[in-house]
Amino acid sequence: MNDMGSSGTEQWVVWNGSLGVLDMVTIGRVEVDAGGRQAWLDAPYGIVGPFSLDELEQTGRIAFGACFVMSRRRWQEDQVELRLAAQKARRALMAMFDGEDDSAHRETLGLPLDGRLDAAEINAAFRRRAKTAHPDAGGSDADYRRIAEARDALLEMLATV
């Protein structure tokens, strides 16, 4: 059963801090059952739902997965806190990738042990080491394989971020 009520035209804020999405939305589908009104957002956020429309209207904010749906007034009140929490979560995620045990690979290529790396930096470090590690330059197969494996592992980690 659909019962749009006033929420069908009212604009709500949708916030997903992990993706940095802030948008205005309307309520799409609403179903009424014994437990109250269950709602979904309208397109293009139609996958957000079902959530309690009654709770949203009563509290001004509900969480759905990584998203928050809230009134404009509630967004004005909570946005600083929500943005800071999202920033902290993104930094923790990046630290997790930066903290992945890549220190041996970094050492092998003579790269800094912390901080973000990019592909150009990894490849340049590999080329510098390859000049002496390659068997044709007086190195050994094992040395060259070791720096190639370090390069490949770091590039693979970079691709998954």
Protein backbone atom coordinates (compact mmCIF):
# COMPACT_ATOMS: atom_id res chain seq x y z
CA MET A 1 0.00 0.00 0.00
CA ASN A 2 1.41 3.43 -0.89
CA ASP A 3 0.85 6.47 1.27
CA MET A 4 3.01 9.35 0.15
CA GLY A 5 1.73 11.90 2.64
CA SER A 6 3.75 15.10 2.98
CA SER A 7 7.08 13.24 2.66
CA GLY A 8 6.51 12.61 -1.06
CA THR A 9 7.41 16.19 -1.95
CA GLU A 10 9.55 17.19 1.01
CA GLN A 11 13.27 17.35 0.32
CA TRP A 12 15.64 15.46 2.57
CA VAL A 13 19.42 15.43 2.74
CA VAL A 14 21.28 12.21 1.94
CA TRP A 15 24.87 12.03 3.19
CA ASN A 16 27.39 9.29 2.58
CA GLY A 17 30.63 10.45 4.16
CA SER A 18 32.71 7.52 2.92
CA LEU A 19 31.91 8.46 -0.68
CA GLY A 20 31.62 12.19 -0.06
CA VAL A 21 28.04 12.24 -1.39
CA LEU A 22 25.78 15.07 -0.24
CA ASP A 23 22.54 15.49 -2.14
CA MET A 24 18.93 16.52 -1.80
CA VAL A 25 16.39 13.70 -2.23
CA THR A 26 12.71 12.98 -1.93
CA ILE A 27 11.03 9.93 -0.51
CA GLY A 28 10.02 7.51 -3.24
CA ARG A 29 8.01 4.45 -2.37
CA VAL A 30 6.25 4.20 0.99
CA GLU A 31 4.63 1.03 2.32
CA VAL A 32 2.39 0.97 5.37
CA ASP A 33 2.16 -2.13 7.51
CA ALA A 34 1.47 -2.99 11.13
CA GLY A 35 4.97 -1.81 12.09
CA GLY A 36 4.53 1.65 10.57
CA ARG A 37 5.64 3.27 7.34
CA GLN A 38 8.63 1.83 5.51
CA ALA A 39 10.17 4.06 2.85
CA TRP A 40 12.73 4.07 0.06
CA LEU A 41 14.38 7.13 -1.43
CA ASP A 42 13.40 8.27 -4.90
CA ALA A 43 15.71 7.79 -7.89
CA PRO A 44 18.64 7.83 -8.25
CA TYR A 45 18.93 6.63 -4.64
CA GLY A 46 16.11 4.10 -4.83
CA ILE A 47 18.32 1.38 -3.32
CA VAL A 48 18.35 3.26 -0.01
CA GLY A 49 15.57 1.58 1.91
CA PRO A 50 13.56 0.27 3.48
CA PHE A 51 13.87 2.50 6.50
CA SER A 52 11.35 3.77 9.01
CA LEU A 53 9.73 6.91 7.66
CA ASP A 54 8.10 7.40 11.07
CA GLU A 55 11.53 7.41 12.75
CA LEU A 56 12.93 9.78 10.13
CA GLU A 57 10.11 12.27 10.63
CA GLN A 58 10.28 11.95 14.42
CA THR A 59 14.06 12.25 14.91
CA GLY A 60 15.01 14.10 11.74
CA ARG A 61 17.75 11.58 10.93
CA ILE A 62 18.16 7.89 10.25
CA ALA A 63 21.15 5.79 9.28
CA PHE A 64 20.96 3.33 6.41
CA GLY A 65 24.19 1.47 5.80
CA ALA A 66 26.86 4.11 5.19
CA CYS A 67 24.21 6.75 4.46
CA PHE A 68 22.33 9.18 6.61
CA VAL A 69 18.99 10.55 5.52
CA MET A 70 18.00 13.67 7.43
CA SER A 71 16.02 16.85 7.43
CA ARG A 72 17.69 20.03 6.28
CA ARG A 73 17.53 21.37 9.82
CA ARG A 74 19.17 18.24 11.21
CA TRP A 75 21.90 18.47 8.53
CA GLN A 76 22.63 22.05 9.60
CA GLU A 77 22.97 20.89 13.20
CA ASP A 78 25.00 17.73 12.54
CA GLN A 79 27.09 18.45 9.45
CA VAL A 80 30.31 19.42 11.20
CA GLU A 81 30.23 16.28 13.34
CA LEU A 82 29.35 14.08 10.35
CA ARG A 83 32.03 15.58 8.10
CA LEU A 84 34.69 15.17 10.79
CA ALA A 85 33.65 11.56 11.42
CA ALA A 86 33.79 10.83 7.68
CA GLN A 87 37.21 12.44 7.37
CA LYS A 88 38.47 10.40 10.31
CA ALA A 89 37.08 7.19 8.78
CA ARG A 90 38.69 7.95 5.40
CA ARG A 91 42.04 8.63 7.07
CA ALA A 92 41.78 5.36 9.01
CA LEU A 93 41.05 3.52 5.78
CA MET A 94 44.01 5.12 4.03
CA ALA A 95 46.23 4.36 7.02
CA MET A 96 45.12 0.75 6.82
CA PHE A 97 46.31 0.58 3.21
CA ASP A 98 49.42 2.60 3.98
CA GLY A 99 49.97 0.37 6.99
CA GLU A 100 49.69 -2.81 4.96
CA ASP A 101 52.91 -4.66 5.47
CA ASP A 102 54.73 -3.19 2.52
CA SER A 103 57.80 -2.05 4.44
CA ALA A 104 60.00 -4.87 3.12
CA HIS A 105 59.06 -3.98 -0.46
CA ARG A 106 59.68 -0.29 0.22
CA GLU A 107 63.08 -1.06 1.74
CA THR A 108 63.99 -3.28 -1.21
CA LEU A 109 63.36 -0.38 -3.59
CA GLY A 110 64.80 2.31 -1.31
CA LEU A 111 61.45 4.06 -0.89
CA PRO A 112 60.21 5.94 2.20
CA LEU A 113 58.73 3.59 4.79
CA ASP A 114 55.56 5.62 5.25
CA GLY A 115 53.30 7.86 3.24
CA ARG A 116 51.50 7.36 -0.02
CA LEU A 117 53.29 6.14 -3.10
CA ASP A 118 52.34 6.55 -6.73
CA ALA A 119 53.15 4.32 -9.70
CA ALA A 120 55.74 6.71 -11.15
CA GLU A 121 57.63 6.80 -7.85
CA ILE A 122 57.60 2.99 -7.57
CA ASN A 123 58.74 2.49 -11.16
CA ALA A 124 61.51 5.09 -10.85
CA ALA A 125 62.83 3.38 -7.71
CA PHE A 126 62.75 0.04 -9.52
CA ARG A 127 64.72 1.43 -12.47
CA ARG A 128 67.35 2.93 -10.13
CA ARG A 129 67.84 -0.41 -8.36
CA ALA A 130 67.69 -2.42 -11.60
CA LYS A 131 70.81 -0.60 -12.87
CA THR A 132 72.92 -2.51 -10.37
CA ALA A 133 70.72 -5.55 -9.57
CA HIS A 134 70.35 -6.84 -13.13
CA PRO A 135 72.73 -9.73 -14.00
CA ASP A 136 74.04 -7.80 -17.03
CA ALA A 137 75.07 -4.97 -14.66
CA GLY A 138 76.92 -7.18 -12.20
CA GLY A 139 73.91 -8.15 -10.08
CA SER A 140 72.28 -11.54 -9.79
CA ASP A 141 69.08 -13.16 -10.95
CA ALA A 142 67.95 -13.35 -7.32
CA ASP A 143 68.56 -9.62 -6.71
CA TYR A 144 66.72 -8.64 -9.87
CA ARG A 145 63.80 -10.96 -9.07
CA ARG A 146 63.62 -9.50 -5.56
CA ILE A 147 63.30 -5.89 -6.78
CA ALA A 148 60.86 -6.90 -9.56
CA GLU A 149 58.68 -8.69 -6.99
CA ALA A 150 58.81 -5.65 -4.69
CA ARG A 151 57.79 -3.37 -7.57
CA ASP A 152 54.96 -5.69 -8.64
CA ALA A 153 53.64 -6.06 -5.08
CA LEU A 154 53.64 -2.30 -4.46
CA LEU A 155 51.92 -1.61 -7.78
CA GLU A 156 49.30 -4.24 -6.99
CA MET A 157 48.66 -2.70 -3.56
CA LEU A 158 48.34 0.70 -5.21
CA ALA A 159 45.81 -0.67 -7.71
CA THR A 160 43.54 -2.00 -4.94
CA VAL A 161 43.32 1.34 -3.12
